[in-house]
PDB file of all heavy atoms in Angstrom:
ATOM      1  N   ASN A   1      -7.288   7.217  24.253  1.00  0.00           N
ATOM      2  CA  ASN A   1      -6.541   8.479  24.143  1.00  0.00           C
ATOM      3  C   ASN A   1      -5.139   8.313  23.560  1.00  0.00           C
ATOM      4  O   ASN A   1      -4.734   9.073  22.674  1.00  0.00           O
ATOM      5  CB  ASN A   1      -6.458   9.168  25.501  1.00  0.00           C
ATOM      6  CG  ASN A   1      -7.436  10.335  25.594  1.00  0.00           C
ATOM      7  OD1 ASN A   1      -7.882  10.864  24.582  1.00  0.00           O
ATOM      8  ND2 ASN A   1      -7.778  10.734  26.807  1.00  0.00           N
ATOM      9  N   PRO A   2      -4.342   7.311  24.002  1.00  0.00           N
ATOM     10  CA  PRO A   2      -2.993   7.167  23.419  1.00  0.00           C
ATOM     11  C   PRO A   2      -2.983   6.504  22.041  1.00  0.00           C
ATOM     12  O   PRO A   2      -1.962   6.540  21.355  1.00  0.00           O
ATOM     13  CB  PRO A   2      -2.249   6.276  24.442  1.00  0.00           C
ATOM     14  CG  PRO A   2      -3.149   6.168  25.626  1.00  0.00           C
ATOM     15  CD  PRO A   2      -4.522   6.390  25.122  1.00  0.00           C
ATOM     16  N   VAL A   3      -4.094   5.895  21.644  1.00  0.00           N
ATOM     17  CA  VAL A   3      -4.131   5.161  20.379  1.00  0.00           C
ATOM     18  C   VAL A   3      -3.986   6.107  19.193  1.00  0.00           C
ATOM     19  O   VAL A   3      -3.209   5.849  18.262  1.00  0.00           O
ATOM     20  CB  VAL A   3      -5.435   4.346  20.243  1.00  0.00           C
ATOM     21  CG1 VAL A   3      -5.513   3.680  18.873  1.00  0.00           C
ATOM     22  CG2 VAL A   3      -5.520   3.302  21.351  1.00  0.00           C
ATOM     23  N   LEU A   4      -4.716   7.218  19.219  1.00  0.00           N
ATOM     24  CA  LEU A   4      -4.694   8.152  18.104  1.00  0.00           C
ATOM     25  C   LEU A   4      -3.313   8.766  17.877  1.00  0.00           C
ATOM     26  O   LEU A   4      -2.805   8.734  16.737  1.00  0.00           O
ATOM     27  CB  LEU A   4      -5.745   9.240  18.319  1.00  0.00           C
ATOM     28  CG  LEU A   4      -6.040  10.153  17.125  1.00  0.00           C
ATOM     29  CD1 LEU A   4      -6.449   9.330  15.908  1.00  0.00           C
ATOM     30  CD2 LEU A   4      -7.138  11.143  17.485  1.00  0.00           C
ATOM     31  N   PRO A   5      -2.641   9.306  18.910  1.00  0.00           N
ATOM     32  CA  PRO A   5      -1.274   9.814  18.680  1.00  0.00           C
ATOM     33  C   PRO A   5      -0.280   8.720  18.310  1.00  0.00           C
ATOM     34  O   PRO A   5       0.708   8.985  17.625  1.00  0.00           O
ATOM     35  CB  PRO A   5      -0.909  10.497  20.000  1.00  0.00           C
ATOM     36  CG  PRO A   5      -1.833   9.932  21.007  1.00  0.00           C
ATOM     37  CD  PRO A   5      -3.093   9.606  20.277  1.00  0.00           C
ATOM     38  N   SER A   6      -0.534   7.483  18.750  1.00  0.00           N
ATOM     39  CA  SER A   6       0.325   6.361  18.365  1.00  0.00           C
ATOM     40  C   SER A   6       0.230   6.119  16.861  1.00  0.00           C
ATOM     41  O   SER A   6       1.241   5.917  16.172  1.00  0.00           O
ATOM     42  CB  SER A   6      -0.073   5.087  19.114  1.00  0.00           C
ATOM     43  OG  SER A   6       0.107   5.221  20.508  1.00  0.00           O
ATOM     44  N   LEU A   7      -0.990   6.154  16.337  1.00  0.00           N
ATOM     45  CA  LEU A   7      -1.200   5.991  14.894  1.00  0.00           C
ATOM     46  C   LEU A   7      -0.572   7.150  14.124  1.00  0.00           C
ATOM     47  O   LEU A   7      -0.001   6.949  13.049  1.00  0.00           O
ATOM     48  CB  LEU A   7      -2.701   5.913  14.589  1.00  0.00           C
ATOM     49  CG  LEU A   7      -3.416   4.631  15.019  1.00  0.00           C
ATOM     50  CD1 LEU A   7      -4.927   4.785  14.867  1.00  0.00           C
ATOM     51  CD2 LEU A   7      -2.926   3.435  14.206  1.00  0.00           C
ATOM     52  N   TRP A   8      -0.659   8.355  14.682  1.00  0.00           N
ATOM     53  CA  TRP A   8      -0.067   9.512  14.019  1.00  0.00           C
ATOM     54  C   TRP A   8       1.457   9.388  13.956  1.00  0.00           C
ATOM     55  O   TRP A   8       2.073   9.723  12.943  1.00  0.00           O
ATOM     56  CB  TRP A   8      -0.460  10.806  14.721  1.00  0.00           C
ATOM     57  CG  TRP A   8       0.283  11.995  14.194  1.00  0.00           C
ATOM     58  CD1 TRP A   8       1.192  12.765  14.847  1.00  0.00           C
ATOM     59  CD2 TRP A   8       0.202  12.520  12.863  1.00  0.00           C
ATOM     60  NE1 TRP A   8       1.680  13.752  14.021  1.00  0.00           N
ATOM     61  CE2 TRP A   8       1.096  13.625  12.784  1.00  0.00           C
ATOM     62  CE3 TRP A   8      -0.527  12.180  11.728  1.00  0.00           C
ATOM     63  CZ2 TRP A   8       1.262  14.368  11.634  1.00  0.00           C
ATOM     64  CZ3 TRP A   8      -0.355  12.919  10.571  1.00  0.00           C
ATOM     65  CH2 TRP A   8       0.524  14.004  10.526  1.00  0.00           C
ATOM     66  N   LEU A   9       2.062   8.889  15.032  1.00  0.00           N
ATOM     67  CA  LEU A   9       3.512   8.691  15.041  1.00  0.00           C
ATOM     68  C   LEU A   9       3.914   7.688  13.964  1.00  0.00           C
ATOM     69  O   LEU A   9       4.906   7.895  13.243  1.00  0.00           O
ATOM     70  CB  LEU A   9       3.971   8.202  16.416  1.00  0.00           C
ATOM     71  CG  LEU A   9       5.474   7.901  16.582  1.00  0.00           C
ATOM     72  CD1 LEU A   9       6.312   9.129  16.243  1.00  0.00           C
ATOM     73  CD2 LEU A   9       5.766   7.417  17.998  1.00  0.00           C
ATOM     74  N   LEU A  10       3.154   6.609  13.808  1.00  0.00           N
ATOM     75  CA  LEU A  10       3.425   5.616  12.768  1.00  0.00           C
ATOM     76  C   LEU A  10       3.245   6.232  11.378  1.00  0.00           C
ATOM     77  O   LEU A  10       4.049   5.988  10.470  1.00  0.00           O
ATOM     78  CB  LEU A  10       2.494   4.417  12.930  1.00  0.00           C
ATOM     79  CG  LEU A  10       2.709   3.541  14.174  1.00  0.00           C
ATOM     80  CD1 LEU A  10       1.599   2.495  14.287  1.00  0.00           C
ATOM     81  CD2 LEU A  10       4.062   2.851  14.131  1.00  0.00           C
ATOM     82  N   TYR A  11       2.203   7.024  11.210  1.00  0.00           N
ATOM     83  CA  TYR A  11       1.931   7.676   9.922  1.00  0.00           C
ATOM     84  C   TYR A  11       3.065   8.629   9.566  1.00  0.00           C
ATOM     85  O   TYR A  11       3.551   8.642   8.424  1.00  0.00           O
ATOM     86  CB  TYR A  11       0.609   8.436  10.013  1.00  0.00           C
ATOM     87  CG  TYR A  11       0.147   9.056   8.710  1.00  0.00           C
ATOM     88  CD1 TYR A  11      -0.643   8.333   7.816  1.00  0.00           C
ATOM     89  CD2 TYR A  11       0.487  10.364   8.376  1.00  0.00           C
ATOM     90  CE1 TYR A  11      -1.080   8.896   6.622  1.00  0.00           C
ATOM     91  CE2 TYR A  11       0.057  10.935   7.191  1.00  0.00           C
ATOM     92  CZ  TYR A  11      -0.724  10.210   6.319  1.00  0.00           C
ATOM     93  OH  TYR A  11      -1.146  10.764   5.140  1.00  0.00           O
ATOM     94  N   ALA A  12       3.496   9.433  10.542  1.00  0.00           N
ATOM     95  CA  ALA A  12       4.587  10.382  10.308  1.00  0.00           C
ATOM     96  C   ALA A  12       5.880   9.650   9.968  1.00  0.00           C
ATOM     97  O   ALA A  12       6.622  10.049   9.067  1.00  0.00           O
ATOM     98  CB  ALA A  12       4.781  11.257  11.549  1.00  0.00           C
ATOM     99  N   HIS A  13       6.151   8.554  10.685  1.00  0.00           N
ATOM    100  CA  HIS A  13       7.365   7.765  10.441  1.00  0.00           C
ATOM    101  C   HIS A  13       7.367   7.222   9.017  1.00  0.00           C
ATOM    102  O   HIS A  13       8.397   7.261   8.322  1.00  0.00           O
ATOM    103  CB  HIS A  13       7.443   6.620  11.446  1.00  0.00           C
ATOM    104  CG  HIS A  13       8.752   5.886  11.434  1.00  0.00           C
ATOM    105  ND1 HIS A  13       9.059   4.928  10.494  1.00  0.00           N
ATOM    106  CD2 HIS A  13       9.846   5.973  12.241  1.00  0.00           C
ATOM    107  CE1 HIS A  13      10.262   4.444  10.724  1.00  0.00           C
ATOM    108  NE2 HIS A  13      10.773   5.066  11.771  1.00  0.00           N
ATOM    109  N   TYR A  14       6.219   6.732   8.566  1.00  0.00           N
ATOM    110  CA  TYR A  14       6.141   6.169   7.214  1.00  0.00           C
ATOM    111  C   TYR A  14       6.288   7.267   6.161  1.00  0.00           C
ATOM    112  O   TYR A  14       6.896   7.051   5.110  1.00  0.00           O
ATOM    113  CB  TYR A  14       4.815   5.437   7.019  1.00  0.00           C
ATOM    114  CG  TYR A  14       4.750   4.680   5.711  1.00  0.00           C
ATOM    115  CD1 TYR A  14       5.466   3.492   5.547  1.00  0.00           C
ATOM    116  CD2 TYR A  14       3.995   5.157   4.649  1.00  0.00           C
ATOM    117  CE1 TYR A  14       5.421   2.811   4.337  1.00  0.00           C
ATOM    118  CE2 TYR A  14       3.951   4.480   3.441  1.00  0.00           C
ATOM    119  CZ  TYR A  14       4.664   3.301   3.297  1.00  0.00           C
ATOM    120  OH  TYR A  14       4.621   2.637   2.100  1.00  0.00           O
ATOM    121  N   GLN A  15       5.736   8.455   6.418  1.00  0.00           N
ATOM    122  CA  GLN A  15       5.872   9.566   5.477  1.00  0.00           C
ATOM    123  C   GLN A  15       7.330  10.000   5.335  1.00  0.00           C
ATOM    124  O   GLN A  15       7.754  10.444   4.279  1.00  0.00           O
ATOM    125  CB  GLN A  15       5.027  10.759   5.932  1.00  0.00           C
ATOM    126  CG  GLN A  15       3.532  10.584   5.756  1.00  0.00           C
ATOM    127  CD  GLN A  15       3.122  10.497   4.305  1.00  0.00           C
ATOM    128  OE1 GLN A  15       3.765  11.046   3.421  1.00  0.00           O
ATOM    129  NE2 GLN A  15       2.037   9.782   4.042  1.00  0.00           N
ATOM    130  N   VAL A  16       8.105   9.843   6.414  1.00  0.00           N
ATOM    131  CA  VAL A  16       9.510  10.248   6.401  1.00  0.00           C
ATOM    132  C   VAL A  16      10.379   9.214   5.700  1.00  0.00           C
ATOM    133  O   VAL A  16      11.187   9.537   4.825  1.00  0.00           O
ATOM    134  CB  VAL A  16      10.028  10.483   7.838  1.00  0.00           C
ATOM    135  CG1 VAL A  16      11.550  10.664   7.841  1.00  0.00           C
ATOM    136  CG2 VAL A  16       9.352  11.698   8.454  1.00  0.00           C
ATOM    137  N   PHE A  17      10.210   7.926   6.061  1.00  0.00           N
ATOM    138  CA  PHE A  17      11.135   6.891   5.590  1.00  0.00           C
ATOM    139  C   PHE A  17      10.566   5.964   4.514  1.00  0.00           C
ATOM    140  O   PHE A  17      11.328   5.306   3.796  1.00  0.00           O
ATOM    141  CB  PHE A  17      11.612   6.040   6.780  1.00  0.00           C
ATOM    142  CG  PHE A  17      12.329   6.835   7.835  1.00  0.00           C
ATOM    143  CD1 PHE A  17      11.752   7.054   9.072  1.00  0.00           C
ATOM    144  CD2 PHE A  17      13.585   7.376   7.576  1.00  0.00           C
ATOM    145  CE1 PHE A  17      12.401   7.790  10.048  1.00  0.00           C
ATOM    146  CE2 PHE A  17      14.248   8.109   8.551  1.00  0.00           C
ATOM    147  CZ  PHE A  17      13.658   8.320   9.783  1.00  0.00           C
ATOM    148  N   HIS A  18       9.245   5.830   4.439  1.00  0.00           N
ATOM    149  CA  HIS A  18       8.595   4.952   3.451  1.00  0.00           C
ATOM    150  C   HIS A  18       9.132   3.523   3.528  1.00  0.00           C
ATOM    151  O   HIS A  18       9.323   2.856   2.510  1.00  0.00           O
ATOM    152  CB  HIS A  18       8.783   5.487   2.030  1.00  0.00           C
ATOM    153  CG  HIS A  18       8.038   6.753   1.770  1.00  0.00           C
ATOM    154  ND1 HIS A  18       6.671   6.806   1.627  1.00  0.00           N
ATOM    155  CD2 HIS A  18       8.473   8.036   1.642  1.00  0.00           C
ATOM    156  CE1 HIS A  18       6.296   8.044   1.412  1.00  0.00           C
ATOM    157  NE2 HIS A  18       7.364   8.814   1.423  1.00  0.00           N
ATOM    158  N   GLU A  19       9.375   3.037   4.740  1.00  0.00           N
ATOM    159  CA  GLU A  19       9.865   1.672   4.939  1.00  0.00           C
ATOM    160  C   GLU A  19       9.001   0.975   5.984  1.00  0.00           C
ATOM    161  O   GLU A  19       9.005   1.347   7.165  1.00  0.00           O
ATOM    162  CB  GLU A  19      11.329   1.679   5.390  1.00  0.00           C
ATOM    163  CG  GLU A  19      12.304   2.189   4.344  1.00  0.00           C
ATOM    164  CD  GLU A  19      13.741   2.120   4.812  1.00  0.00           C
ATOM    165  OE1 GLU A  19      14.026   1.284   5.693  1.00  0.00           O
ATOM    166  OE2 GLU A  19      14.568   2.901   4.317  1.00  0.00           O
ATOM    167  N   GLU A  20       8.258  -0.048   5.550  1.00  0.00           N
ATOM    168  CA  GLU A  20       7.363  -0.761   6.461  1.00  0.00           C
ATOM    169  C   GLU A  20       8.139  -1.472   7.569  1.00  0.00           C
ATOM    170  O   GLU A  20       7.745  -1.446   8.732  1.00  0.00           O
ATOM    171  CB  GLU A  20       6.508  -1.770   5.695  1.00  0.00           C
ATOM    172  CG  GLU A  20       5.442  -1.124   4.826  1.00  0.00           C
ATOM    173  CD  GLU A  20       4.441  -2.144   4.307  1.00  0.00           C
ATOM    174  OE1 GLU A  20       4.195  -3.135   5.019  1.00  0.00           O
ATOM    175  OE2 GLU A  20       3.918  -1.947   3.202  1.00  0.00           O
ATOM    176  N   ARG A  21       9.249  -2.128   7.194  1.00  0.00           N
ATOM    177  CA  ARG A  21      10.009  -2.880   8.196  1.00  0.00           C
ATOM    178  C   ARG A  21      10.534  -1.974   9.295  1.00  0.00           C
ATOM    179  O   ARG A  21      10.479  -2.308  10.481  1.00  0.00           O
ATOM    180  CB  ARG A  21      11.186  -3.601   7.525  1.00  0.00           C
ATOM    181  CG  ARG A  21      10.760  -4.742   6.603  1.00  0.00           C
ATOM    182  CD  ARG A  21      11.977  -5.435   6.013  1.00  0.00           C
ATOM    183  NE  ARG A  21      11.602  -6.507   5.113  1.00  0.00           N
ATOM    184  CZ  ARG A  21      12.466  -7.252   4.432  1.00  0.00           C
ATOM    185  NH1 ARG A  21      13.776  -7.021   4.573  1.00  0.00           N
ATOM    186  NH2 ARG A  21      12.052  -8.207   3.634  1.00  0.00           N
ATOM    187  N   ARG A  22      11.030  -0.825   8.884  1.00  0.00           N
ATOM    188  CA  ARG A  22      11.561   0.129   9.862  1.00  0.00           C
ATOM    189  C   ARG A  22      10.450   0.672  10.753  1.00  0.00           C
ATOM    190  O   ARG A  22      10.629   0.850  11.958  1.00  0.00           O
ATOM    191  CB  ARG A  22      12.254   1.272   9.125  1.00  0.00           C
ATOM    192  CG  ARG A  22      13.035   2.214  10.013  1.00  0.00           C
ATOM    193  CD  ARG A  22      13.881   3.145   9.161  1.00  0.00           C
ATOM    194  NE  ARG A  22      14.645   4.057   9.975  1.00  0.00           N
ATOM    195  CZ  ARG A  22      15.512   4.940   9.500  1.00  0.00           C
ATOM    196  NH1 ARG A  22      15.724   4.997   8.194  1.00  0.00           N
ATOM    197  NH2 ARG A  22      16.163   5.745  10.300  1.00  0.00           N
ATOM    198  N   MET A  23       9.300   0.929  10.157  1.00  0.00           N
ATOM    199  CA  MET A  23       8.180   1.458  10.920  1.00  0.00           C
ATOM    200  C   MET A  23       7.630   0.440  11.906  1.00  0.00           C
ATOM    201  O   MET A  23       7.217   0.785  13.026  1.00  0.00           O
ATOM    202  CB  MET A  23       7.070   1.911   9.970  1.00  0.00           C
ATOM    203  CG  MET A  23       5.931   2.659  10.640  1.00  0.00           C
ATOM    204  SD  MET A  23       4.355   2.399   9.815  1.00  0.00           S
ATOM    205  CE  MET A  23       4.030   0.679  10.206  1.00  0.00           C
ATOM    206  N   LYS A  24       7.634  -0.834  11.502  1.00  0.00           N
ATOM    207  CA  LYS A  24       7.069  -1.883  12.351  1.00  0.00           C
ATOM    208  C   LYS A  24       7.825  -2.063  13.667  1.00  0.00           C
ATOM    209  O   LYS A  24       7.295  -2.630  14.618  1.00  0.00           O
ATOM    210  CB  LYS A  24       7.014  -3.201  11.581  1.00  0.00           C
ATOM    211  CG  LYS A  24       5.905  -3.233  10.517  1.00  0.00           C
ATOM    212  CD  LYS A  24       5.892  -4.518   9.732  1.00  0.00           C
ATOM    213  CE  LYS A  24       4.782  -4.520   8.696  1.00  0.00           C
ATOM    214  NZ  LYS A  24       4.764  -5.753   7.865  1.00  0.00           N
ATOM    215  N   LYS A  25       9.072  -1.574  13.710  1.00  0.00           N
ATOM    216  CA  LYS A  25       9.830  -1.630  14.961  1.00  0.00           C
ATOM    217  C   LYS A  25       9.204  -0.740  16.030  1.00  0.00           C
ATOM    218  O   LYS A  25       9.452  -0.940  17.225  1.00  0.00           O
ATOM    219  CB  LYS A  25      11.283  -1.215  14.708  1.00  0.00           C
ATOM    220  CG  LYS A  25      12.063  -2.187  13.845  1.00  0.00           C
ATOM    221  CD  LYS A  25      13.489  -1.712  13.627  1.00  0.00           C
ATOM    222  CE  LYS A  25      14.272  -2.684  12.743  1.00  0.00           C
ATOM    223  NZ  LYS A  25      15.663  -2.217  12.497  1.00  0.00           N
ATOM    224  N   LEU A  26       8.424   0.233  15.607  1.00  0.00           N
ATOM    225  CA  LEU A  26       7.750   1.133  16.548  1.00  0.00           C
ATOM    226  C   LEU A  26       6.474   0.520  17.115  1.00  0.00           C
ATOM    227  O   LEU A  26       5.996   0.953  18.166  1.00  0.00           O
ATOM    228  CB  LEU A  26       7.387   2.443  15.853  1.00  0.00           C
ATOM    229  CG  LEU A  26       8.458   3.526  15.720  1.00  0.00           C
ATOM    230  CD1 LEU A  26       7.905   4.684  14.906  1.00  0.00           C
ATOM    231  CD2 LEU A  26       8.898   4.011  17.082  1.00  0.00           C
ATOM    232  N   ILE A  27       5.925  -0.446  16.405  1.00  0.00           N
ATOM    233  CA  ILE A  27       4.604  -0.961  16.771  1.00  0.00           C
ATOM    234  C   ILE A  27       4.588  -1.591  18.161  1.00  0.00           C
ATOM    235  O   ILE A  27       3.709  -1.290  18.988  1.00  0.00           O
ATOM    236  CB  ILE A  27       4.104  -1.966  15.711  1.00  0.00           C
ATOM    237  CG1 ILE A  27       3.836  -1.242  14.387  1.00  0.00           C
ATOM    238  CG2 ILE A  27       2.830  -2.664  16.191  1.00  0.00           C
ATOM    239  CD1 ILE A  27       3.382  -2.139  13.264  1.00  0.00           C
ATOM    240  N   PHE A  28       5.571  -2.445  18.457  1.00  0.00           N
ATOM    241  CA  PHE A  28       5.560  -3.147  19.746  1.00  0.00           C
ATOM    242  C   PHE A  28       5.744  -2.209  20.934  1.00  0.00           C
ATOM    243  O   PHE A  28       5.030  -2.346  21.946  1.00  0.00           O
ATOM    244  CB  PHE A  28       6.616  -4.252  19.745  1.00  0.00           C
ATOM    245  CG  PHE A  28       6.300  -5.388  18.798  1.00  0.00           C
ATOM    246  CD1 PHE A  28       7.013  -5.561  17.625  1.00  0.00           C
ATOM    247  CD2 PHE A  28       5.251  -6.259  19.078  1.00  0.00           C
ATOM    248  CE1 PHE A  28       6.698  -6.575  16.743  1.00  0.00           C
ATOM    249  CE2 PHE A  28       4.933  -7.285  18.201  1.00  0.00           C
ATOM    250  CZ  PHE A  28       5.656  -7.446  17.031  1.00  0.00           C
ATOM    251  N   PRO A  29       6.660  -1.218  20.893  1.00  0.00           N
ATOM    252  CA  PRO A  29       6.732  -0.247  21.998  1.00  0.00           C
ATOM    253  C   PRO A  29       5.429   0.527  22.187  1.00  0.00           C
ATOM    254  O   PRO A  29       5.025   0.800  23.328  1.00  0.00           O
ATOM    255  CB  PRO A  29       7.883   0.682  21.578  1.00  0.00           C
ATOM    256  CG  PRO A  29       8.725  -0.134  20.675  1.00  0.00           C
ATOM    257  CD  PRO A  29       7.769  -1.017  19.936  1.00  0.00           C
ATOM    258  N   LEU A  30       4.772   0.860  21.072  1.00  0.00           N
ATOM    259  CA  LEU A  30       3.515   1.602  21.168  1.00  0.00           C
ATOM    260  C   LEU A  30       2.398   0.727  21.732  1.00  0.00           C
ATOM    261  O   LEU A  30       1.557   1.207  22.504  1.00  0.00           O
ATOM    262  CB  LEU A  30       3.125   2.144  19.789  1.00  0.00           C
ATOM    263  CG  LEU A  30       4.007   3.273  19.251  1.00  0.00           C
ATOM    264  CD1 LEU A  30       3.625   3.621  17.815  1.00  0.00           C
ATOM    265  CD2 LEU A  30       3.903   4.510  20.136  1.00  0.00           C
ATOM    266  N   ILE A  31       2.399  -0.557  21.353  1.00  0.00           N
ATOM    267  CA  ILE A  31       1.425  -1.486  21.927  1.00  0.00           C
ATOM    268  C   ILE A  31       1.643  -1.608  23.432  1.00  0.00           C
ATOM    269  O   ILE A  31       0.693  -1.609  24.227  1.00  0.00           O
ATOM    270  CB  ILE A  31       1.521  -2.871  21.254  1.00  0.00           C
ATOM    271  CG1 ILE A  31       1.000  -2.804  19.810  1.00  0.00           C
ATOM    272  CG2 ILE A  31       0.725  -3.915  22.037  1.00  0.00           C
ATOM    273  CD1 ILE A  31       1.167  -4.091  19.032  1.00  0.00           C
ATOM    274  N   ALA A  32       2.908  -1.691  23.834  1.00  0.00           N
ATOM    275  CA  ALA A  32       3.248  -1.790  25.263  1.00  0.00           C
ATOM    276  C   ALA A  32       2.780  -0.546  26.010  1.00  0.00           C
ATOM    277  O   ALA A  32       2.219  -0.639  27.111  1.00  0.00           O
ATOM    278  CB  ALA A  32       4.752  -1.969  25.434  1.00  0.00           C
ATOM    279  N   LEU A  33       2.999   0.616  25.422  1.00  0.00           N
ATOM    280  CA  LEU A  33       2.571   1.872  26.055  1.00  0.00           C
ATOM    281  C   LEU A  33       1.059   1.908  26.231  1.00  0.00           C
ATOM    282  O   LEU A  33       0.555   2.282  27.312  1.00  0.00           O
ATOM    283  CB  LEU A  33       3.020   3.052  25.194  1.00  0.00           C
ATOM    284  CG  LEU A  33       2.652   4.449  25.708  1.00  0.00           C
ATOM    285  CD1 LEU A  33       3.411   4.747  26.996  1.00  0.00           C
ATOM    286  CD2 LEU A  33       2.940   5.507  24.651  1.00  0.00           C
ATOM    287  N   ASN A  34       0.334   1.509  25.199  1.00  0.00           N
ATOM    288  CA  ASN A  34      -1.125   1.492  25.283  1.00  0.00           C
ATOM    289  C   ASN A  34      -1.622   0.431  26.261  1.00  0.00           C
ATOM    290  O   ASN A  34      -2.646   0.623  26.927  1.00  0.00           O
ATOM    291  CB  ASN A  34      -1.728   1.257  23.898  1.00  0.00           C
ATOM    292  CG  ASN A  34      -1.745   2.514  23.040  1.00  0.00           C
ATOM    293  OD1 ASN A  34      -2.719   3.254  23.054  1.00  0.00           O
ATOM    294  ND2 ASN A  34      -0.678   2.750  22.304  1.00  0.00           N
ATOM    295  N   ALA A  35      -0.883  -0.679  26.359  1.00  0.00           N
ATOM    296  CA  ALA A  35      -1.250  -1.733  27.317  1.00  0.00           C
ATOM    297  C   ALA A  35      -1.082  -1.236  28.752  1.00  0.00           C
ATOM    298  O   ALA A  35      -1.926  -1.506  29.616  1.00  0.00           O
ATOM    299  CB  ALA A  35      -0.397  -2.976  27.077  1.00  0.00           C
ATOM    300  N   VAL A  36       0.007  -0.522  29.017  1.00  0.00           N
ATOM    301  CA  VAL A  36       0.234   0.057  30.356  1.00  0.00           C
ATOM    302  C   VAL A  36      -0.886   1.024  30.706  1.00  0.00           C
ATOM    303  O   VAL A  36      -1.414   1.010  31.825  1.00  0.00           O
ATOM    304  CB  VAL A  36       1.608   0.776  30.409  1.00  0.00           C
ATOM    305  CG1 VAL A  36       1.729   1.596  31.692  1.00  0.00           C
ATOM    306  CG2 VAL A  36       2.732  -0.228  30.321  1.00  0.00           C
TER     307      VAL A  36
END
């Protein structure tokens, strides 16, 4: 359930900034959230 909105947040972030490095900073918090 949290995986799909997590991917959408990453997709939206990339559409806004178009920067992979900046977007990748979101990945670890989202992984932690899904792990919890």
